[in-house]
PDB file of N, CA and C in Angstrom:
ATOM      1  N   MET A   1      97.783  99.904 119.917  1.00  0.00           N
ATOM      2  CA  MET A   1      96.410 100.360 119.851  1.00  0.00           C
ATOM      3  C   MET A   1      95.654  99.766 121.034  1.00  0.00           C
ATOM      4  N   CYS A   2      94.843 100.564 121.674  1.00  0.00           N
ATOM      5  CA  CYS A   2      94.012 100.103 122.777  1.00  0.00           C
ATOM      6  C   CYS A   2      92.567 100.044 122.303  1.00  0.00           C
ATOM      7  N   LEU A   3      91.866  99.030 122.759  1.00  0.00           N
ATOM      8  CA  LEU A   3      90.472  98.857 122.382  1.00  0.00           C
ATOM      9  C   LEU A   3      89.605  98.811 123.630  1.00  0.00           C
ATOM     10  N   ALA A   4      88.463  99.434 123.576  1.00  0.00           N
ATOM     11  CA  ALA A   4      87.467  99.317 124.636  1.00  0.00           C
ATOM     12  C   ALA A   4      86.378  98.403 124.097  1.00  0.00           C
ATOM     13  N   ILE A   5      86.172  97.274 124.754  1.00  0.00           N
ATOM     14  CA  ILE A   5      85.239  96.288 124.231  1.00  0.00           C
ATOM     15  C   ILE A   5      84.151  95.974 125.249  1.00  0.00           C
ATOM     16  N   PRO A   6      82.982  95.535 124.767  1.00  0.00           N
ATOM     17  CA  PRO A   6      81.912  95.207 125.699  1.00  0.00           C
ATOM     18  C   PRO A   6      82.100  93.826 126.311  1.00  0.00           C
ATOM     19  N   GLY A   7      81.657  93.709 127.533  1.00  0.00           N
ATOM     20  CA  GLY A   7      81.647  92.426 128.217  1.00  0.00           C
ATOM     21  C   GLY A   7      80.445  92.368 129.135  1.00  0.00           C
ATOM     22  N   LYS A   8      80.017  91.151 129.429  1.00  0.00           N
ATOM     23  CA  LYS A   8      78.864  90.949 130.306  1.00  0.00           C
ATOM     24  C   LYS A   8      79.349  90.735 131.736  1.00  0.00           C
ATOM     25  N   VAL A   9      78.783  91.475 132.661  1.00  0.00           N
ATOM     26  CA  VAL A   9      79.140  91.337 134.068  1.00  0.00           C
ATOM     27  C   VAL A   9      78.497  90.057 134.600  1.00  0.00           C
ATOM     28  N   VAL A  10      79.334  89.116 135.036  1.00  0.00           N
ATOM     29  CA  VAL A  10      78.819  87.849 135.549  1.00  0.00           C
ATOM     30  C   VAL A  10      78.917  87.758 137.069  1.00  0.00           C
ATOM     31  N   GLU A  11      79.670  88.673 137.664  1.00  0.00           N
ATOM     32  CA  GLU A  11      79.776  88.703 139.124  1.00  0.00           C
ATOM     33  C   GLU A  11      80.221  90.101 139.547  1.00  0.00           C
ATOM     34  N   VAL A  12      79.631  90.592 140.621  1.00  0.00           N
ATOM     35  CA  VAL A  12      80.035  91.865 141.212  1.00  0.00           C
ATOM     36  C   VAL A  12      80.486  91.564 142.639  1.00  0.00           C
ATOM     37  N   TYR A  13      81.626  92.126 143.021  1.00  0.00           N
ATOM     38  CA  TYR A  13      82.149  91.899 144.372  1.00  0.00           C
ATOM     39  C   TYR A  13      82.993  93.093 144.798  1.00  0.00           C
ATOM     40  N   GLU A  14      83.363  93.114 146.062  1.00  0.00           N
ATOM     41  CA  GLU A  14      84.214  94.181 146.574  1.00  0.00           C
ATOM     42  C   GLU A  14      85.593  93.613 146.885  1.00  0.00           C
ATOM     43  N   GLU A  15      86.611  94.374 146.512  1.00  0.00           N
ATOM     44  CA  GLU A  15      87.987  93.978 146.795  1.00  0.00           C
ATOM     45  C   GLU A  15      88.759  95.216 147.248  1.00  0.00           C
ATOM     46  N   LYS A  16      89.270  95.171 148.459  1.00  0.00           N
ATOM     47  CA  LYS A  16      90.032  96.290 149.028  1.00  0.00           C
ATOM     48  C   LYS A  16      89.259  97.607 148.942  1.00  0.00           C
ATOM     49  N   GLY A  17      87.955  97.525 149.188  1.00  0.00           N
ATOM     50  CA  GLY A  17      87.116  98.712 149.188  1.00  0.00           C
ATOM     51  C   GLY A  17      86.669  99.191 147.821  1.00  0.00           C
ATOM     52  N   LEU A  18      87.008  98.451 146.761  1.00  0.00           N
ATOM     53  CA  LEU A  18      86.632  98.835 145.398  1.00  0.00           C
ATOM     54  C   LEU A  18      85.576  97.890 144.841  1.00  0.00           C
ATOM     55  N   LYS A  19      84.635  98.452 144.089  1.00  0.00           N
ATOM     56  CA  LYS A  19      83.644  97.638 143.396  1.00  0.00           C
ATOM     57  C   LYS A  19      84.320  97.022 142.181  1.00  0.00           C
ATOM     58  N   MET A  20      84.340  95.691 142.135  1.00  0.00           N
ATOM     59  CA  MET A  20      85.003  94.945 141.068  1.00  0.00           C
ATOM     60  C   MET A  20      84.000  94.005 140.422  1.00  0.00           C
ATOM     61  N   GLY A  21      84.355  93.496 139.250  1.00  0.00           N
ATOM     62  CA  GLY A  21      83.483  92.548 138.580  1.00  0.00           C
ATOM     63  C   GLY A  21      84.251  91.543 137.755  1.00  0.00           C
ATOM     64  N   ARG A  22      83.640  90.379 137.592  1.00  0.00           N
ATOM     65  CA  ARG A  22      84.138  89.384 136.638  1.00  0.00           C
ATOM     66  C   ARG A  22      83.351  89.622 135.361  1.00  0.00           C
ATOM     67  N   ILE A  23      84.071  89.786 134.259  1.00  0.00           N
ATOM     68  CA  ILE A  23      83.468  90.177 132.993  1.00  0.00           C
ATOM     69  C   ILE A  23      83.677  89.066 131.973  1.00  0.00           C
ATOM     70  N   ASP A  24      82.604  88.703 131.274  1.00  0.00           N
ATOM     71  CA  ASP A  24      82.650  87.668 130.237  1.00  0.00           C
ATOM     72  C   ASP A  24      82.723  88.341 128.873  1.00  0.00           C
ATOM     73  N   TYR A  25      83.855  88.122 128.197  1.00  0.00           N
ATOM     74  CA  TYR A  25      84.061  88.632 126.838  1.00  0.00           C
ATOM     75  C   TYR A  25      83.901  87.468 125.869  1.00  0.00           C
ATOM     76  N   SER A  26      82.679  87.097 125.576  1.00  0.00           N
ATOM     77  CA  SER A  26      82.392  85.991 124.648  1.00  0.00           C
ATOM     78  C   SER A  26      83.129  84.717 125.032  1.00  0.00           C
ATOM     79  N   GLY A  27      83.093  84.382 126.310  1.00  0.00           N
ATOM     80  CA  GLY A  27      83.693  83.142 126.777  1.00  0.00           C
ATOM     81  C   GLY A  27      85.009  83.301 127.508  1.00  0.00           C
ATOM     82  N   THR A  28      85.647  84.433 127.383  1.00  0.00           N
ATOM     83  CA  THR A  28      86.873  84.711 128.129  1.00  0.00           C
ATOM     84  C   THR A  28      86.504  85.582 129.326  1.00  0.00           C
ATOM     85  N   ILE A  29      86.840  85.103 130.521  1.00  0.00           N
ATOM     86  CA  ILE A  29      86.489  85.822 131.742  1.00  0.00           C
ATOM     87  C   ILE A  29      87.707  86.579 132.254  1.00  0.00           C
ATOM     88  N   ASN A  30      87.494  87.838 132.626  1.00  0.00           N
ATOM     89  CA  ASN A  30      88.549  88.655 133.200  1.00  0.00           C
ATOM     90  C   ASN A  30      87.924  89.546 134.266  1.00  0.00           C
ATOM     91  N   THR A  31      88.746  90.258 134.996  1.00  0.00           N
ATOM     92  CA  THR A  31      88.227  91.155 136.023  1.00  0.00           C
ATOM     93  C   THR A  31      88.362  92.602 135.572  1.00  0.00           C
ATOM     94  N   ALA A  32      87.508  93.445 136.130  1.00  0.00           N
ATOM     95  CA  ALA A  32      87.563  94.877 135.835  1.00  0.00           C
ATOM     96  C   ALA A  32      87.086  95.644 137.055  1.00  0.00           C
ATOM     97  N   CYS A  33      87.603  96.834 137.197  1.00  0.00           N
ATOM     98  CA  CYS A  33      87.142  97.741 138.242  1.00  0.00           C
ATOM     99  C   CYS A  33      85.826  98.374 137.771  1.00  0.00           C
ATOM    100  N   LEU A  34      84.829  98.386 138.651  1.00  0.00           N
ATOM    101  CA  LEU A  34      83.507  98.919 138.305  1.00  0.00           C
ATOM    102  C   LEU A  34      83.213 100.260 138.974  1.00  0.00           C
ATOM    103  N   GLU A  35      84.220 100.875 139.565  1.00  0.00           N
ATOM    104  CA  GLU A  35      84.017 102.124 140.305  1.00  0.00           C
ATOM    105  C   GLU A  35      83.452 103.250 139.442  1.00  0.00           C
ATOM    106  N   TYR A  36      83.764 103.278 138.149  1.00  0.00           N
ATOM    107  CA  TYR A  36      83.267 104.352 137.278  1.00  0.00           C
ATOM    108  C   TYR A  36      81.815 104.145 136.863  1.00  0.00           C
ATOM    109  N   VAL A  37      81.284 102.953 137.112  1.00  0.00           N
ATOM    110  CA  VAL A  37      79.886 102.642 136.777  1.00  0.00           C
ATOM    111  C   VAL A  37      79.215 102.002 138.004  1.00  0.00           C
ATOM    112  N   PRO A  38      79.069 102.764 139.085  1.00  0.00           N
ATOM    113  CA  PRO A  38      78.577 102.185 140.343  1.00  0.00           C
ATOM    114  C   PRO A  38      77.179 101.583 140.244  1.00  0.00           C
ATOM    115  N   GLU A  39      76.415 101.983 139.240  1.00  0.00           N
ATOM    116  CA  GLU A  39      75.046 101.484 139.083  1.00  0.00           C
ATOM    117  C   GLU A  39      74.976 100.111 138.426  1.00  0.00           C
ATOM    118  N   ILE A  40      76.079  99.618 137.877  1.00  0.00           N
ATOM    119  CA  ILE A  40      76.055  98.375 137.113  1.00  0.00           C
ATOM    120  C   ILE A  40      75.728  97.178 138.001  1.00  0.00           C
ATOM    121  N   GLN A  41      75.015  96.212 137.406  1.00  0.00           N
ATOM    122  CA  GLN A  41      74.609  95.006 138.121  1.00  0.00           C
ATOM    123  C   GLN A  41      74.953  93.781 137.289  1.00  0.00           C
ATOM    124  N   THR A  42      74.994  92.645 137.964  1.00  0.00           N
ATOM    125  CA  THR A  42      75.224  91.374 137.283  1.00  0.00           C
ATOM    126  C   THR A  42      74.206  91.218 136.155  1.00  0.00           C
ATOM    127  N   GLY A  43      74.693  90.776 134.994  1.00  0.00           N
ATOM    128  CA  GLY A  43      73.835  90.577 133.831  1.00  0.00           C
ATOM    129  C   GLY A  43      73.862  91.729 132.847  1.00  0.00           C
ATOM    130  N   GLN A  44      74.346  92.879 133.278  1.00  0.00           N
ATOM    131  CA  GLN A  44      74.441  94.024 132.374  1.00  0.00           C
ATOM    132  C   GLN A  44      75.764  93.986 131.615  1.00  0.00           C
ATOM    133  N   TYR A  45      75.838  94.795 130.566  1.00  0.00           N
ATOM    134  CA  TYR A  45      77.043  94.886 129.743  1.00  0.00           C
ATOM    135  C   TYR A  45      77.748  96.208 130.009  1.00  0.00           C
ATOM    136  N   ALA A  46      79.081  96.149 129.944  1.00  0.00           N
ATOM    137  CA  ALA A  46      79.888  97.349 130.147  1.00  0.00           C
ATOM    138  C   ALA A  46      80.939  97.436 129.056  1.00  0.00           C
ATOM    139  N   ILE A  47      81.303  98.661 128.718  1.00  0.00           N
ATOM    140  CA  ILE A  47      82.476  98.897 127.879  1.00  0.00           C
ATOM    141  C   ILE A  47      83.657  98.971 128.842  1.00  0.00           C
ATOM    142  N   VAL A  48      84.659  98.120 128.604  1.00  0.00           N
ATOM    143  CA  VAL A  48      85.820  98.046 129.491  1.00  0.00           C
ATOM    144  C   VAL A  48      87.055  98.468 128.717  1.00  0.00           C
ATOM    145  N   HIS A  49      87.832  99.354 129.326  1.00  0.00           N
ATOM    146  CA  HIS A  49      89.085  99.824 128.725  1.00  0.00           C
ATOM    147  C   HIS A  49      90.164  99.817 129.796  1.00  0.00           C
ATOM    148  N   ALA A  50      91.259  99.142 129.508  1.00  0.00           N
ATOM    149  CA  ALA A  50      92.420  99.102 130.410  1.00  0.00           C
ATOM    150  C   ALA A  50      92.050  98.650 131.816  1.00  0.00           C
ATOM    151  N   GLY A  51      91.110  97.697 131.896  1.00  0.00           N
ATOM    152  CA  GLY A  51      90.744  97.138 133.190  1.00  0.00           C
ATOM    153  C   GLY A  51      89.696  97.903 133.965  1.00  0.00           C
ATOM    154  N   PHE A  52      89.121  98.947 133.354  1.00  0.00           N
ATOM    155  CA  PHE A  52      88.095  99.747 134.009  1.00  0.00           C
ATOM    156  C   PHE A  52      86.836  99.769 133.156  1.00  0.00           C
ATOM    157  N   ALA A  53      85.698  99.451 133.765  1.00  0.00           N
ATOM    158  CA  ALA A  53      84.416  99.616 133.083  1.00  0.00           C
ATOM    159  C   ALA A  53      84.147 101.115 133.016  1.00  0.00           C
ATOM    160  N   ILE A  54      83.940 101.621 131.790  1.00  0.00           N
ATOM    161  CA  ILE A  54      83.790 103.071 131.633  1.00  0.00           C
ATOM    162  C   ILE A  54      82.379 103.497 131.257  1.00  0.00           C
ATOM    163  N   SER A  55      81.539 102.538 130.838  1.00  0.00           N
ATOM    164  CA  SER A  55      80.138 102.862 130.571  1.00  0.00           C
ATOM    165  C   SER A  55      79.322 101.584 130.534  1.00  0.00           C
ATOM    166  N   VAL A  56      78.028 101.752 130.747  1.00  0.00           N
ATOM    167  CA  VAL A  56      77.084 100.641 130.694  1.00  0.00           C
ATOM    168  C   VAL A  56      76.350 100.730 129.365  1.00  0.00           C
ATOM    169  N   ILE A  57      76.218  99.593 128.676  1.00  0.00           N
ATOM    170  CA  ILE A  57      75.451  99.556 127.428  1.00  0.00           C
ATOM    171  C   ILE A  57      74.431  98.431 127.516  1.00  0.00           C
ATOM    172  N   ASP A  58      73.409  98.504 126.659  1.00  0.00           N
ATOM    173  CA  ASP A  58      72.411  97.440 126.684  1.00  0.00           C
ATOM    174  C   ASP A  58      72.887  96.249 125.847  1.00  0.00           C
ATOM    175  N   GLU A  59      72.203  95.140 126.007  1.00  0.00           N
ATOM    176  CA  GLU A  59      72.607  93.903 125.339  1.00  0.00           C
ATOM    177  C   GLU A  59      72.575  94.039 123.820  1.00  0.00           C
ATOM    178  N   GLU A  60      71.589  94.752 123.289  1.00  0.00           N
ATOM    179  CA  GLU A  60      71.487  94.936 121.839  1.00  0.00           C
ATOM    180  C   GLU A  60      72.728  95.645 121.285  1.00  0.00           C
ATOM    181  N   GLU A  61      73.163  96.690 121.968  1.00  0.00           N
ATOM    182  CA  GLU A  61      74.354  97.417 121.524  1.00  0.00           C
ATOM    183  C   GLU A  61      75.600  96.537 121.623  1.00  0.00           C
ATOM    184  N   ALA A  62      75.686  95.745 122.683  1.00  0.00           N
ATOM    185  CA  ALA A  62      76.822  94.827 122.827  1.00  0.00           C
ATOM    186  C   ALA A  62      76.844  93.822 121.676  1.00  0.00           C
ATOM    187  N   GLN A  63      75.683  93.277 121.325  1.00  0.00           N
ATOM    188  CA  GLN A  63      75.616  92.300 120.235  1.00  0.00           C
ATOM    189  C   GLN A  63      76.001  92.930 118.897  1.00  0.00           C
ATOM    190  N   LYS A  64      75.570  94.161 118.665  1.00  0.00           N
ATOM    191  CA  LYS A  64      75.962  94.862 117.433  1.00  0.00           C
ATOM    192  C   LYS A  64      77.480  95.015 117.370  1.00  0.00           C
ATOM    193  N   THR A  65      78.072  95.355 118.501  1.00  0.00           N
ATOM    194  CA  THR A  65      79.529  95.514 118.553  1.00  0.00           C
ATOM    195  C   THR A  65      80.222  94.198 118.247  1.00  0.00           C
ATOM    196  N   TYR A  66      79.732  93.099 118.829  1.00  0.00           N
ATOM    197  CA  TYR A  66      80.318  91.780 118.559  1.00  0.00           C
ATOM    198  C   TYR A  66      80.218  91.426 117.077  1.00  0.00           C
ATOM    199  N   GLU A  67      79.079  91.759 116.444  1.00  0.00           N
ATOM    200  CA  GLU A  67      78.899  91.463 115.018  1.00  0.00           C
ATOM    201  C   GLU A  67      79.885  92.249 114.161  1.00  0.00           C
ATOM    202  N   VAL A  68      80.051  93.529 114.454  1.00  0.00           N
ATOM    203  CA  VAL A  68      81.003  94.353 113.700  1.00  0.00           C
ATOM    204  C   VAL A  68      82.424  93.846 113.921  1.00  0.00           C
ATOM    205  N   TRP A  69      82.738  93.488 115.156  1.00  0.00           N
ATOM    206  CA  TRP A  69      84.067  92.951 115.472  1.00  0.00           C
ATOM    207  C   TRP A  69      84.340  91.694 114.639  1.00  0.00           C
ATOM    208  N   GLU A  70      83.368  90.794 114.564  1.00  0.00           N
ATOM    209  CA  GLU A  70      83.536  89.555 113.793  1.00  0.00           C
ATOM    210  C   GLU A  70      83.723  89.864 112.308  1.00  0.00           C
ATOM    211  N   GLU A  71      82.993  90.842 111.784  1.00  0.00           N
ATOM    212  CA  GLU A  71      83.179  91.249 110.386  1.00  0.00           C
ATOM    213  C   GLU A  71      84.595  91.757 110.155  1.00  0.00           C
ATOM    214  N   LEU A  72      85.112  92.526 111.093  1.00  0.00           N
ATOM    215  CA  LEU A  72      86.474  93.045 110.999  1.00  0.00           C
ATOM    216  C   LEU A  72      87.493  91.911 111.002  1.00  0.00           C
ATOM    217  N   VAL A  73      87.324  90.964 111.898  1.00  0.00           N
ATOM    218  CA  VAL A  73      88.235  89.818 111.977  1.00  0.00           C
ATOM    219  C   VAL A  73      88.203  89.024 110.677  1.00  0.00           C
ATOM    220  N   GLN A  74      87.008  88.781 110.150  1.00  0.00           N
ATOM    221  CA  GLN A  74      86.878  88.011 108.908  1.00  0.00           C
ATOM    222  C   GLN A  74      87.488  88.752 107.720  1.00  0.00           C
ATOM    223  N   ALA A  75      87.258  90.052 107.634  1.00  0.00           N
ATOM    224  CA  ALA A  75      87.825  90.837 106.531  1.00  0.00           C
ATOM    225  C   ALA A  75      89.346  90.822 106.588  1.00  0.00           C
ATOM    226  N   ALA A  76      89.904  90.963 107.775  1.00  0.00           N
ATOM    227  CA  ALA A  76      91.363  90.925 107.925  1.00  0.00           C
ATOM    228  C   ALA A  76      91.898  89.550 107.546  1.00  0.00           C
ATOM    229  N   ALA A  77      91.213  88.497 107.972  1.00  0.00           N
ATOM    230  CA  ALA A  77      91.655  87.132 107.668  1.00  0.00           C
ATOM    231  C   ALA A  77      91.668  86.881 106.164  1.00  0.00           C
ATOM    232  N   GLN A  78      90.707  87.448 105.446  1.00  0.00           N
ATOM    233  CA  GLN A  78      90.687  87.294 103.990  1.00  0.00           C
ATOM    234  C   GLN A  78      91.904  87.950 103.353  1.00  0.00           C
ATOM    235  N   GLU A  79      92.440  88.956 104.013  1.00  0.00           N
ATOM    236  CA  GLU A  79      93.651  89.628 103.538  1.00  0.00           C
ATOM    237  C   GLU A  79      94.915  88.931 104.037  1.00  0.00           C
ATOM    238  N   GLY A  80      94.724  87.904 104.893  1.00  0.00           N
ATOM    239  CA  GLY A  80      95.868  87.173 105.427  1.00  0.00           C
ATOM    240  C   GLY A  80      96.532  87.846 106.610  1.00  0.00           C
ATOM    241  N   THR A  81      95.795  88.747 107.272  1.00  0.00           N
ATOM    242  CA  THR A  81      96.359  89.453 108.422  1.00  0.00           C
ATOM    243  C   THR A  81      95.421  89.364 109.618  1.00  0.00           C
ATOM    244  N   ASP A  82      95.966  89.739 110.780  1.00  0.00           N
ATOM    245  CA  ASP A  82      95.093  89.923 111.925  1.00  0.00           C
ATOM    246  C   ASP A  82      94.531  91.342 111.849  1.00  0.00           C
ATOM    247  N   ILE A  83      93.756  91.753 112.846  1.00  0.00           N
ATOM    248  CA  ILE A  83      93.111  93.071 112.773  1.00  0.00           C
ATOM    249  C   ILE A  83      94.087  94.229 112.880  1.00  0.00           C
ATOM    250  N   PHE A  84      95.336  93.937 113.253  1.00  0.00           N
ATOM    251  CA  PHE A  84      96.351  94.981 113.368  1.00  0.00           C
ATOM    252  C   PHE A  84      97.269  95.025 112.154  1.00  0.00           C
ATOM    253  N   GLY A  85      96.957  94.199 111.143  1.00  0.00           N
ATOM    254  CA  GLY A  85      97.749  94.193 109.921  1.00  0.00           C
ATOM    255  C   GLY A  85      98.940  93.258 109.930  1.00  0.00           C
ATOM    256  N   MET A  86      99.075  92.457 110.981  1.00  0.00           N
ATOM    257  CA  MET A  86     100.185  91.512 111.066  1.00  0.00           C
ATOM    258  C   MET A  86      99.813  90.224 110.335  1.00  0.00           C
ATOM    259  N   PRO A  87     100.750  89.657 109.581  1.00  0.00           N
ATOM    260  CA  PRO A  87     100.459  88.409 108.867  1.00  0.00           C
ATOM    261  C   PRO A  87     100.008  87.311 109.826  1.00  0.00           C
ATOM    262  N   LEU A  88      98.989  86.573 109.439  1.00  0.00           N
ATOM    263  CA  LEU A  88      98.518  85.462 110.264  1.00  0.00           C
ATOM    264  C   LEU A  88      99.607  84.405 110.349  1.00  0.00           C
ATOM    265  N   GLY A  89      99.745  83.804 111.514  1.00  0.00           N
ATOM    266  CA  GLY A  89     100.740  82.763 111.703  1.00  0.00           C
ATOM    267  C   GLY A  89     102.083  83.282 112.167  1.00  0.00           C
ATOM    268  N   GLU A  90     102.280  84.600 112.148  1.00  0.00           N
ATOM    269  CA  GLU A  90     103.534  85.176 112.631  1.00  0.00           C
ATOM    270  C   GLU A  90     103.551  85.106 114.150  1.00  0.00           C
ATOM    271  N   GLN A  91     104.671  84.695 114.706  1.00  0.00           N
ATOM    272  CA  GLN A  91     104.827  84.696 116.152  1.00  0.00           C
ATOM    273  C   GLN A  91     105.514  85.976 116.569  1.00  0.00           C
ATOM    274  N   ASP A  92     105.234  86.388 117.790  1.00  0.00           N
ATOM    275  CA  ASP A  92     105.900  87.563 118.346  1.00  0.00           C
ATOM    276  C   ASP A  92     107.362  87.217 118.571  1.00  0.00           C
ATOM    277  N   LYS A  93     108.244  87.825 117.813  1.00  0.00           N
ATOM    278  CA  LYS A  93     109.673  87.518 117.876  1.00  0.00           C
ATOM    279  C   LYS A  93     110.259  87.818 119.251  1.00  0.00           C
ATOM    280  N   SER A  94     109.650  88.722 120.005  1.00  0.00           N
ATOM    281  CA  SER A  94     110.181  89.057 121.323  1.00  0.00           C
ATOM    282  C   SER A  94     110.013  87.910 122.307  1.00  0.00           C
ATOM    283  N   ASP A  95     109.126  86.950 122.007  1.00  0.00           N
ATOM    284  CA  ASP A  95     108.906  85.812 122.891  1.00  0.00           C
ATOM    285  C   ASP A  95     109.898  84.680 122.649  1.00  0.00           C
ATOM    286  N   GLU A  96     110.694  84.785 121.600  1.00  0.00           N
ATOM    287  CA  GLU A  96     111.581  83.688 121.246  1.00  0.00           C
ATOM    288  C   GLU A  96     112.830  83.632 122.110  1.00  0.00           C
ATOM    289  N   GLY A  97     113.186  84.717 122.753  1.00  0.00           N
ATOM    290  CA  GLY A  97     114.373  84.735 123.598  1.00  0.00           C
ATOM    291  C   GLY A  97     115.627  84.940 122.780  1.00  0.00           C
ATOM    292  N   PRO A  98     116.785  84.911 123.440  1.00  0.00           N
ATOM    293  CA  PRO A  98     118.046  85.150 122.734  1.00  0.00           C
ATOM    294  C   PRO A  98     118.411  84.008 121.804  1.00  0.00           C
ATOM    295  N   GLY A  99     119.154  84.362 120.779  1.00  0.00           N
ATOM    296  CA  GLY A  99     119.695  83.318 119.930  1.00  0.00           C
ATOM    297  C   GLY A  99     119.083  83.265 118.627  1.00  0.00           C
TER     298      GLY A  99
END
């Protein structure tokens, strides 16, 4: 499942001729291409999907999304799962290697 989540643009810069940005997702910083939202500026929020900012949203809408996301995480945790239905505490078996 792929999710498009809001993040706050904390830096805008150019890389190899592309408008790029550093995006803050509630404390986790990552980069995204901003070419699809050329009007975006530092301090604004964007919906980012697969490394591309696809729309600009206001801070109020971003906060509402964060609140709903937290409700989802809490509801899943009460069921003993993550948001994808996997039991909490389960490790990804593919990371264990052979043997």
